[in-house]
Protein backbone atom coordinates (compact mmCIF):
# COMPACT_ATOMS: atom_id res chain seq x y z
CA UNK A 1 -11.03 -8.87 7.05
CA UNK A 2 -10.97 -12.11 8.94
CA UNK A 3 -12.50 -10.36 11.96
CA UNK A 4 -14.95 -8.28 9.96
CA UNK A 5 -16.44 -11.29 8.20
CA UNK A 6 -15.88 -13.99 10.80
CA UNK A 7 -13.67 -15.92 8.40
CA UNK A 8 -10.38 -16.99 10.03
CA UNK A 9 -9.19 -18.35 6.65
CA UNK A 10 -8.74 -14.72 5.52
CA UNK A 11 -6.16 -14.07 8.26
CA UNK A 12 -3.18 -14.75 5.97
CA UNK A 13 -4.66 -13.09 2.88
CA UNK A 14 -2.11 -10.25 2.88
CA UNK A 15 0.70 -12.74 2.37
CA UNK A 16 -0.59 -13.72 -1.07
CA UNK A 17 1.05 -11.82 -3.93
CA UNK A 18 -2.32 -10.74 -5.36
CA UNK A 19 -3.29 -8.95 -2.14
CA UNK A 20 0.07 -7.76 -0.83
CA UNK A 21 -0.55 -4.25 -2.19
CA UNK A 22 -4.31 -3.63 -1.85
CA UNK A 23 -4.09 -0.54 -4.09
CA UNK A 24 -3.36 -2.79 -7.09
CA UNK A 25 -6.36 -5.13 -6.70
CA UNK A 26 -8.60 -4.75 -9.73
CA UNK A 27 -12.28 -4.57 -8.82
CA UNK A 28 -11.74 -4.89 -5.06
CA UNK A 29 -15.45 -5.23 -4.27
CA UNK A 30 -15.68 -8.24 -6.59
CA UNK A 31 -12.59 -9.78 -4.99
CA UNK A 32 -14.15 -9.26 -1.56
CA UNK A 33 -17.39 -10.90 -2.68
CA UNK A 34 -15.39 -13.94 -3.83
CA UNK A 35 -13.46 -14.17 -0.56
CA UNK A 36 -16.34 -13.36 1.79
CA UNK A 37 -19.70 -14.21 0.21
CA UNK A 38 -21.51 -12.26 2.96
CA UNK A 39 -19.75 -9.05 1.83
CA UNK A 40 -21.98 -6.15 0.82
CA UNK A 41 -20.46 -2.78 -0.02
CA UNK A 42 -21.99 -0.59 2.69
CA UNK A 43 -22.18 -3.03 5.57
CA UNK A 44 -18.85 -4.59 4.57
CA UNK A 45 -17.13 -1.21 4.48
CA UNK A 46 -18.50 -0.40 7.93
CA UNK A 47 -17.40 -3.77 9.31
CA UNK A 48 -13.89 -3.35 7.94
CA UNK A 49 -13.58 0.31 8.96
CA UNK A 50 -14.44 -0.48 12.57
CA UNK A 51 -11.42 -2.80 12.72
CA UNK A 52 -9.00 -0.77 10.61
CA UNK A 53 -5.53 -0.09 11.98
CA UNK A 54 -3.90 2.56 9.83
CA UNK A 55 -0.46 1.81 11.22
CA UNK A 56 -0.72 -1.76 9.92
CA UNK A 57 -2.30 -0.91 6.56
CA UNK A 58 -0.27 -1.70 3.46
CA UNK A 59 -2.42 0.69 1.40
CA UNK A 60 -0.48 3.81 0.52
CA UNK A 61 -3.60 5.55 -0.77
CA UNK A 62 -5.43 4.90 2.52
CA UNK A 63 -2.55 6.31 4.56
CA UNK A 64 -2.39 9.39 2.28
CA UNK A 65 -6.14 9.93 2.62
CA UNK A 66 -6.02 9.57 6.41
CA UNK A 67 -3.11 12.01 6.63
CA UNK A 68 -5.04 14.55 4.55
CA UNK A 69 -8.08 14.22 6.80
CA UNK A 70 -5.87 14.62 9.87
CA UNK A 71 -4.31 17.83 8.49
CA UNK A 72 -7.71 19.30 7.62
CA UNK A 73 -9.06 18.46 11.08
CA UNK A 74 -6.03 20.06 12.75
CA UNK A 75 -6.44 23.20 10.61
CA UNK A 76 -10.14 23.43 11.45
CA UNK A 77 -9.34 23.07 15.13
CA UNK A 78 -6.69 25.82 14.93
CA UNK A 79 -9.10 28.09 13.02
CA UNK A 80 -11.86 27.56 15.59
CA UNK A 81 -9.49 28.57 18.42
CA UNK A 82 -8.60 31.91 16.78
């Protein structure tokens, strides 16, 4: 997030108890607006996604989603080769 919004102060955000598990943050878009006033849902999501490192993500739901997409893509690739 620090990179996405040009806010170095957000660099250590994941160390705070409230944000340690991003899946438990209530109203995440509102929390993002408070932390990064320039945040807007669509452009903010794009900015964060372009810098996302799944291996470093502490979001279990994000890792599960990405794994599901990977499996579907692999199956589609196998099906197209048959």
